């Protein structure tokens, strides 16, 4: 490497992760085909009351944002 610094925008990184959850993880969970961590987390979020969903969203903000998008009718 020649010492060139390539800046990474943290907002773009977060947006890319949220978009991945929307495009890949939520459809797999909704169709019952995903068994990886995010899909299991979405199942937990689906059954959580508002207090526990708030706790989950503090720890997993990207997944919570994507799940909220889906729950509010954002599915394709």
PDB file of N, CA and C in Angstrom:
ATOM      1  N   UNK A   1       0.850  -1.175   0.000  1.00  0.00           N
ATOM      2  CA  UNK A   1       0.000   0.000   0.000  1.00  0.00           C
ATOM      3  C   UNK A   1       0.890   1.230   0.000  1.00  0.00           C
ATOM      4  N   UNK A   2       0.513   2.246  -0.727  1.00  0.00           N
ATOM      5  CA  UNK A   2       1.360   3.422  -0.886  1.00  0.00           C
ATOM      6  C   UNK A   2       1.059   4.519   0.126  1.00  0.00           C
ATOM      7  N   UNK A   3       0.307   4.243   1.169  1.00  0.00           N
ATOM      8  CA  UNK A   3       0.019   5.233   2.194  1.00  0.00           C
ATOM      9  C   UNK A   3      -1.151   6.128   1.863  1.00  0.00           C
ATOM     10  N   UNK A   4      -1.850   5.834   0.784  1.00  0.00           N
ATOM     11  CA  UNK A   4      -2.998   6.649   0.421  1.00  0.00           C
ATOM     12  C   UNK A   4      -4.173   6.296   1.329  1.00  0.00           C
ATOM     13  N   UNK A   5      -4.788   7.303   1.905  1.00  0.00           N
ATOM     14  CA  UNK A   5      -5.919   7.112   2.793  1.00  0.00           C
ATOM     15  C   UNK A   5      -7.208   7.241   2.004  1.00  0.00           C
ATOM     16  N   UNK A   6      -8.051   6.244   2.101  1.00  0.00           N
ATOM     17  CA  UNK A   6      -9.349   6.285   1.441  1.00  0.00           C
ATOM     18  C   UNK A   6     -10.400   6.473   2.529  1.00  0.00           C
ATOM     19  N   UNK A   7     -11.012   7.640   2.597  1.00  0.00           N
ATOM     20  CA  UNK A   7     -11.997   7.878   3.652  1.00  0.00           C
ATOM     21  C   UNK A   7     -13.240   7.021   3.453  1.00  0.00           C
ATOM     22  N   UNK A   8     -13.741   6.509   4.536  1.00  0.00           N
ATOM     23  CA  UNK A   8     -14.968   5.729   4.510  1.00  0.00           C
ATOM     24  C   UNK A   8     -16.005   6.504   5.296  1.00  0.00           C
ATOM     25  N   UNK A   9     -17.091   6.788   4.645  1.00  0.00           N
ATOM     26  CA  UNK A   9     -18.170   7.534   5.285  1.00  0.00           C
ATOM     27  C   UNK A   9     -18.987   6.578   6.154  1.00  0.00           C
ATOM     28  N   UNK A  10     -18.979   6.761   7.476  1.00  0.00           N
ATOM     29  CA  UNK A  10     -19.703   5.832   8.341  1.00  0.00           C
ATOM     30  C   UNK A  10     -21.208   5.829   8.092  1.00  0.00           C
ATOM     31  N   UNK A  11     -21.754   6.938   7.629  1.00  0.00           N
ATOM     32  CA  UNK A  11     -23.189   6.983   7.322  1.00  0.00           C
ATOM     33  C   UNK A  11     -23.501   6.080   6.141  1.00  0.00           C
ATOM     34  N   UNK A  12     -22.627   6.079   5.138  1.00  0.00           N
ATOM     35  CA  UNK A  12     -22.830   5.205   3.986  1.00  0.00           C
ATOM     36  C   UNK A  12     -22.722   3.737   4.382  1.00  0.00           C
ATOM     37  N   UNK A  13     -21.826   3.424   5.309  1.00  0.00           N
ATOM     38  CA  UNK A  13     -21.666   2.053   5.771  1.00  0.00           C
ATOM     39  C   UNK A  13     -22.948   1.589   6.459  1.00  0.00           C
ATOM     40  N   UNK A  14     -23.490   2.422   7.318  1.00  0.00           N
ATOM     41  CA  UNK A  14     -24.729   2.074   8.020  1.00  0.00           C
ATOM     42  C   UNK A  14     -25.869   1.923   7.027  1.00  0.00           C
ATOM     43  N   UNK A  15     -25.971   2.846   6.085  1.00  0.00           N
ATOM     44  CA  UNK A  15     -27.043   2.771   5.087  1.00  0.00           C
ATOM     45  C   UNK A  15     -26.929   1.499   4.255  1.00  0.00           C
ATOM     46  N   UNK A  16     -25.719   1.095   3.942  1.00  0.00           N
ATOM     47  CA  UNK A  16     -25.515  -0.135   3.167  1.00  0.00           C
ATOM     48  C   UNK A  16     -25.945  -1.355   3.976  1.00  0.00           C
ATOM     49  N   UNK A  17     -25.642  -1.364   5.284  1.00  0.00           N
ATOM     50  CA  UNK A  17     -26.052  -2.496   6.124  1.00  0.00           C
ATOM     51  C   UNK A  17     -27.565  -2.556   6.251  1.00  0.00           C
ATOM     52  N   UNK A  18     -28.204  -1.414   6.446  1.00  0.00           N
ATOM     53  CA  UNK A  18     -29.665  -1.387   6.555  1.00  0.00           C
ATOM     54  C   UNK A  18     -30.283  -1.860   5.245  1.00  0.00           C
ATOM     55  N   UNK A  19     -29.745  -1.407   4.130  1.00  0.00           N
ATOM     56  CA  UNK A  19     -30.275  -1.826   2.823  1.00  0.00           C
ATOM     57  C   UNK A  19     -30.115  -3.321   2.629  1.00  0.00           C
ATOM     58  N   UNK A  20     -29.001  -3.884   3.081  1.00  0.00           N
ATOM     59  CA  UNK A  20     -28.796  -5.331   2.993  1.00  0.00           C
ATOM     60  C   UNK A  20     -29.878  -6.069   3.794  1.00  0.00           C
ATOM     61  N   UNK A  21     -30.177  -5.571   4.982  1.00  0.00           N
ATOM     62  CA  UNK A  21     -31.229  -6.209   5.782  1.00  0.00           C
ATOM     63  C   UNK A  21     -32.569  -6.148   5.059  1.00  0.00           C
ATOM     64  N   UNK A  22     -32.843  -5.016   4.417  1.00  0.00           N
ATOM     65  CA  UNK A  22     -34.102  -4.864   3.689  1.00  0.00           C
ATOM     66  C   UNK A  22     -34.173  -5.792   2.483  1.00  0.00           C
ATOM     67  N   UNK A  23     -33.055  -5.925   1.755  1.00  0.00           N
ATOM     68  CA  UNK A  23     -33.040  -6.682   0.502  1.00  0.00           C
ATOM     69  C   UNK A  23     -32.861  -8.183   0.692  1.00  0.00           C
ATOM     70  N   UNK A  24     -32.116  -8.593   1.712  1.00  0.00           N
ATOM     71  CA  UNK A  24     -31.753 -10.004   1.861  1.00  0.00           C
ATOM     72  C   UNK A  24     -32.374 -10.632   3.107  1.00  0.00           C
ATOM     73  N   UNK A  25     -32.113 -10.051   4.248  1.00  0.00           N
ATOM     74  CA  UNK A  25     -32.487 -10.703   5.499  1.00  0.00           C
ATOM     75  C   UNK A  25     -33.993 -10.698   5.764  1.00  0.00           C
ATOM     76  N   UNK A  26     -34.654  -9.573   5.550  1.00  0.00           N
ATOM     77  CA  UNK A  26     -36.100  -9.507   5.826  1.00  0.00           C
ATOM     78  C   UNK A  26     -36.883 -10.443   4.905  1.00  0.00           C
ATOM     79  N   UNK A  27     -36.624 -10.450   3.589  1.00  0.00           N
ATOM     80  CA  UNK A  27     -37.365 -11.404   2.755  1.00  0.00           C
ATOM     81  C   UNK A  27     -37.111 -12.867   3.149  1.00  0.00           C
ATOM     82  N   UNK A  28     -35.882 -13.190   3.502  1.00  0.00           N
ATOM     83  CA  UNK A  28     -35.584 -14.562   3.918  1.00  0.00           C
ATOM     84  C   UNK A  28     -36.327 -14.905   5.200  1.00  0.00           C
ATOM     85  N   UNK A  29     -36.351 -13.971   6.142  1.00  0.00           N
ATOM     86  CA  UNK A  29     -37.076 -14.204   7.397  1.00  0.00           C
ATOM     87  C   UNK A  29     -38.576 -14.311   7.136  1.00  0.00           C
ATOM     88  N   UNK A  30     -39.119 -13.400   6.335  1.00  0.00           N
ATOM     89  CA  UNK A  30     -40.558 -13.383   6.071  1.00  0.00           C
ATOM     90  C   UNK A  30     -41.005 -14.652   5.344  1.00  0.00           C
ATOM     91  N   UNK A  31     -40.122 -15.227   4.534  1.00  0.00           N
ATOM     92  CA  UNK A  31     -40.449 -16.453   3.807  1.00  0.00           C
ATOM     93  C   UNK A  31     -40.096 -17.713   4.586  1.00  0.00           C
ATOM     94  N   UNK A  32     -39.489 -17.538   5.755  1.00  0.00           N
ATOM     95  CA  UNK A  32     -39.119 -18.690   6.577  1.00  0.00           C
ATOM     96  C   UNK A  32     -37.924 -19.466   6.077  1.00  0.00           C
ATOM     97  N   UNK A  33     -37.095 -18.850   5.227  1.00  0.00           N
ATOM     98  CA  UNK A  33     -35.950 -19.577   4.678  1.00  0.00           C
ATOM     99  C   UNK A  33     -34.634 -19.229   5.347  1.00  0.00           C
ATOM    100  N   UNK A  34     -34.585 -18.152   6.108  1.00  0.00           N
ATOM    101  CA  UNK A  34     -33.331 -17.739   6.736  1.00  0.00           C
ATOM    102  C   UNK A  34     -33.207 -18.292   8.140  1.00  0.00           C
ATOM    103  N   UNK A  35     -32.017 -18.783   8.469  1.00  0.00           N
ATOM    104  CA  UNK A  35     -31.802 -19.278   9.827  1.00  0.00           C
ATOM    105  C   UNK A  35     -30.568 -18.639  10.450  1.00  0.00           C
ATOM    106  N   UNK A  36     -30.050 -17.577   9.834  1.00  0.00           N
ATOM    107  CA  UNK A  36     -28.887 -16.910  10.390  1.00  0.00           C
ATOM    108  C   UNK A  36     -29.319 -15.890  11.436  1.00  0.00           C
ATOM    109  N   UNK A  37     -28.346 -15.251  12.072  1.00  0.00           N
ATOM    110  CA  UNK A  37     -28.600 -14.407  13.239  1.00  0.00           C
ATOM    111  C   UNK A  37     -29.630 -13.319  12.984  1.00  0.00           C
ATOM    112  N   UNK A  38     -29.488 -12.569  11.907  1.00  0.00           N
ATOM    113  CA  UNK A  38     -30.427 -11.455  11.661  1.00  0.00           C
ATOM    114  C   UNK A  38     -31.860 -11.961  11.528  1.00  0.00           C
ATOM    115  N   UNK A  39     -32.050 -13.088  10.888  1.00  0.00           N
ATOM    116  CA  UNK A  39     -33.403 -13.623  10.735  1.00  0.00           C
ATOM    117  C   UNK A  39     -33.980 -14.029  12.087  1.00  0.00           C
ATOM    118  N   UNK A  40     -33.155 -14.623  12.925  1.00  0.00           N
ATOM    119  CA  UNK A  40     -33.626 -14.985  14.264  1.00  0.00           C
ATOM    120  C   UNK A  40     -33.906 -13.730  15.092  1.00  0.00           C
ATOM    121  N   UNK A  41     -33.105 -12.697  14.876  1.00  0.00           N
ATOM    122  CA  UNK A  41     -33.327 -11.433  15.581  1.00  0.00           C
ATOM    123  C   UNK A  41     -34.638 -10.788  15.133  1.00  0.00           C
ATOM    124  N   UNK A  42     -34.959 -10.851  13.841  1.00  0.00           N
ATOM    125  CA  UNK A  42     -36.230 -10.310  13.359  1.00  0.00           C
ATOM    126  C   UNK A  42     -37.403 -11.069  13.976  1.00  0.00           C
ATOM    127  N   UNK A  43     -37.252 -12.370  14.150  1.00  0.00           N
ATOM    128  CA  UNK A  43     -38.306 -13.157  14.797  1.00  0.00           C
ATOM    129  C   UNK A  43     -38.508 -12.686  16.234  1.00  0.00           C
ATOM    130  N   UNK A  44     -37.409 -12.437  16.920  1.00  0.00           N
ATOM    131  CA  UNK A  44     -37.484 -11.929  18.288  1.00  0.00           C
ATOM    132  C   UNK A  44     -38.141 -10.549  18.317  1.00  0.00           C
ATOM    133  N   UNK A  45     -37.783  -9.688  17.370  1.00  0.00           N
ATOM    134  CA  UNK A  45     -38.374  -8.355  17.298  1.00  0.00           C
ATOM    135  C   UNK A  45     -39.871  -8.423  17.025  1.00  0.00           C
ATOM    136  N   UNK A  46     -40.282  -9.394  16.230  1.00  0.00           N
ATOM    137  CA  UNK A  46     -41.704  -9.535  15.902  1.00  0.00           C
ATOM    138  C   UNK A  46     -42.536  -9.877  17.134  1.00  0.00           C
ATOM    139  N   UNK A  47     -41.934 -10.548  18.093  1.00  0.00           N
ATOM    140  CA  UNK A  47     -42.658 -10.958  19.286  1.00  0.00           C
ATOM    141  C   UNK A  47     -42.418 -10.035  20.480  1.00  0.00           C
ATOM    142  N   UNK A  48     -41.531  -9.079  20.332  1.00  0.00           N
ATOM    143  CA  UNK A  48     -41.178  -8.197  21.453  1.00  0.00           C
ATOM    144  C   UNK A  48     -42.247  -7.128  21.668  1.00  0.00           C
ATOM    145  N   UNK A  49     -42.473  -6.798  22.944  1.00  0.00           N
ATOM    146  CA  UNK A  49     -43.337  -5.659  23.239  1.00  0.00           C
ATOM    147  C   UNK A  49     -42.533  -4.381  22.995  1.00  0.00           C
ATOM    148  N   UNK A  50     -43.167  -3.231  23.110  1.00  0.00           N
ATOM    149  CA  UNK A  50     -42.490  -1.977  22.761  1.00  0.00           C
ATOM    150  C   UNK A  50     -41.273  -1.713  23.645  1.00  0.00           C
ATOM    151  N   UNK A  51     -41.359  -2.067  24.917  1.00  0.00           N
ATOM    152  CA  UNK A  51     -40.218  -1.845  25.828  1.00  0.00           C
ATOM    153  C   UNK A  51     -39.009  -2.695  25.410  1.00  0.00           C
ATOM    154  N   UNK A  52     -39.262  -3.971  25.143  1.00  0.00           N
ATOM    155  CA  UNK A  52     -38.155  -4.842  24.748  1.00  0.00           C
ATOM    156  C   UNK A  52     -37.674  -4.545  23.335  1.00  0.00           C
ATOM    157  N   UNK A  53     -38.577  -4.108  22.458  1.00  0.00           N
ATOM    158  CA  UNK A  53     -38.130  -3.705  21.118  1.00  0.00           C
ATOM    159  C   UNK A  53     -37.203  -2.503  21.227  1.00  0.00           C
ATOM    160  N   UNK A  54     -37.528  -1.590  22.128  1.00  0.00           N
ATOM    161  CA  UNK A  54     -36.644  -0.443  22.350  1.00  0.00           C
ATOM    162  C   UNK A  54     -35.259  -0.874  22.813  1.00  0.00           C
ATOM    163  N   UNK A  55     -35.215  -1.856  23.672  1.00  0.00           N
ATOM    164  CA  UNK A  55     -33.925  -2.374  24.131  1.00  0.00           C
ATOM    165  C   UNK A  55     -33.162  -3.029  22.993  1.00  0.00           C
ATOM    166  N   UNK A  56     -33.859  -3.825  22.197  1.00  0.00           N
ATOM    167  CA  UNK A  56     -33.196  -4.467  21.052  1.00  0.00           C
ATOM    168  C   UNK A  56     -32.687  -3.427  20.058  1.00  0.00           C
ATOM    169  N   UNK A  57     -33.465  -2.364  19.860  1.00  0.00           N
ATOM    170  CA  UNK A  57     -33.055  -1.352  18.885  1.00  0.00           C
ATOM    171  C   UNK A  57     -31.841  -0.555  19.353  1.00  0.00           C
ATOM    172  N   UNK A  58     -31.625  -0.478  20.669  1.00  0.00           N
ATOM    173  CA  UNK A  58     -30.417   0.199  21.155  1.00  0.00           C
ATOM    174  C   UNK A  58     -29.173  -0.621  20.853  1.00  0.00           C
ATOM    175  N   UNK A  59     -29.308  -1.936  20.896  1.00  0.00           N
ATOM    176  CA  UNK A  59     -28.159  -2.814  20.681  1.00  0.00           C
ATOM    177  C   UNK A  59     -27.979  -3.149  19.195  1.00  0.00           C
ATOM    178  N   UNK A  60     -29.084  -3.271  18.474  1.00  0.00           N
ATOM    179  CA  UNK A  60     -29.051  -3.632  17.050  1.00  0.00           C
ATOM    180  C   UNK A  60     -29.788  -2.573  16.222  1.00  0.00           C
ATOM    181  N   UNK A  61     -29.240  -1.360  16.125  1.00  0.00           N
ATOM    182  CA  UNK A  61     -29.979  -0.277  15.459  1.00  0.00           C
ATOM    183  C   UNK A  61     -30.220  -0.504  13.972  1.00  0.00           C
ATOM    184  N   UNK A  62     -29.279  -1.140  13.277  1.00  0.00           N
ATOM    185  CA  UNK A  62     -29.462  -1.360  11.839  1.00  0.00           C
ATOM    186  C   UNK A  62     -30.611  -2.321  11.573  1.00  0.00           C
ATOM    187  N   UNK A  63     -30.630  -3.423  12.315  1.00  0.00           N
ATOM    188  CA  UNK A  63     -31.703  -4.394  12.146  1.00  0.00           C
ATOM    189  C   UNK A  63     -33.045  -3.798  12.577  1.00  0.00           C
ATOM    190  N   UNK A  64     -33.045  -3.016  13.650  1.00  0.00           N
ATOM    191  CA  UNK A  64     -34.293  -2.409  14.120  1.00  0.00           C
ATOM    192  C   UNK A  64     -34.843  -1.431  13.092  1.00  0.00           C
ATOM    193  N   UNK A  65     -33.980  -0.669  12.466  1.00  0.00           N
ATOM    194  CA  UNK A  65     -34.440   0.264  11.426  1.00  0.00           C
ATOM    195  C   UNK A  65     -35.062  -0.492  10.256  1.00  0.00           C
ATOM    196  N   UNK A  66     -34.402  -1.559   9.814  1.00  0.00           N
ATOM    197  CA  UNK A  66     -34.932  -2.355   8.705  1.00  0.00           C
ATOM    198  C   UNK A  66     -36.237  -3.043   9.098  1.00  0.00           C
ATOM    199  N   UNK A  67     -36.315  -3.555  10.320  1.00  0.00           N
ATOM    200  CA  UNK A  67     -37.540  -4.223  10.773  1.00  0.00           C
ATOM    201  C   UNK A  67     -38.694  -3.231  10.858  1.00  0.00           C
ATOM    202  N   UNK A  68     -38.429  -2.046  11.379  1.00  0.00           N
ATOM    203  CA  UNK A  68     -39.466  -1.017  11.470  1.00  0.00           C
ATOM    204  C   UNK A  68     -39.949  -0.632  10.085  1.00  0.00           C
ATOM    205  N   UNK A  69     -39.028  -0.514   9.146  1.00  0.00           N
ATOM    206  CA  UNK A  69     -39.391  -0.226   7.757  1.00  0.00           C
ATOM    207  C   UNK A  69     -40.340  -1.309   7.224  1.00  0.00           C
ATOM    208  N   UNK A  70     -40.005  -2.559   7.478  1.00  0.00           N
ATOM    209  CA  UNK A  70     -40.826  -3.672   7.010  1.00  0.00           C
ATOM    210  C   UNK A  70     -42.192  -3.673   7.689  1.00  0.00           C
ATOM    211  N   UNK A  71     -42.196  -3.485   9.007  1.00  0.00           N
ATOM    212  CA  UNK A  71     -43.436  -3.524   9.786  1.00  0.00           C
ATOM    213  C   UNK A  71     -44.394  -2.421   9.363  1.00  0.00           C
ATOM    214  N   UNK A  72     -43.854  -1.295   8.916  1.00  0.00           N
ATOM    215  CA  UNK A  72     -44.697  -0.178   8.499  1.00  0.00           C
ATOM    216  C   UNK A  72     -45.136  -0.273   7.035  1.00  0.00           C
ATOM    217  N   UNK A  73     -44.897  -1.417   6.419  1.00  0.00           N
ATOM    218  CA  UNK A  73     -45.376  -1.657   5.054  1.00  0.00           C
ATOM    219  C   UNK A  73     -44.373  -1.370   3.971  1.00  0.00           C
ATOM    220  N   UNK A  74     -43.112  -1.330   4.292  1.00  0.00           N
ATOM    221  CA  UNK A  74     -42.090  -1.000   3.311  1.00  0.00           C
ATOM    222  C   UNK A  74     -41.648  -2.130   2.418  1.00  0.00           C
ATOM    223  N   UNK A  75     -42.229  -3.330   2.592  1.00  0.00           N
ATOM    224  CA  UNK A  75     -41.764  -4.444   1.767  1.00  0.00           C
ATOM    225  C   UNK A  75     -42.049  -4.176   0.306  1.00  0.00           C
ATOM    226  N   UNK A  76     -41.196  -4.729  -0.515  1.00  0.00           N
ATOM    227  CA  UNK A  76     -41.281  -4.500  -1.961  1.00  0.00           C
ATOM    228  C   UNK A  76     -42.496  -5.187  -2.542  1.00  0.00           C
TER     229      UNK A  76
END
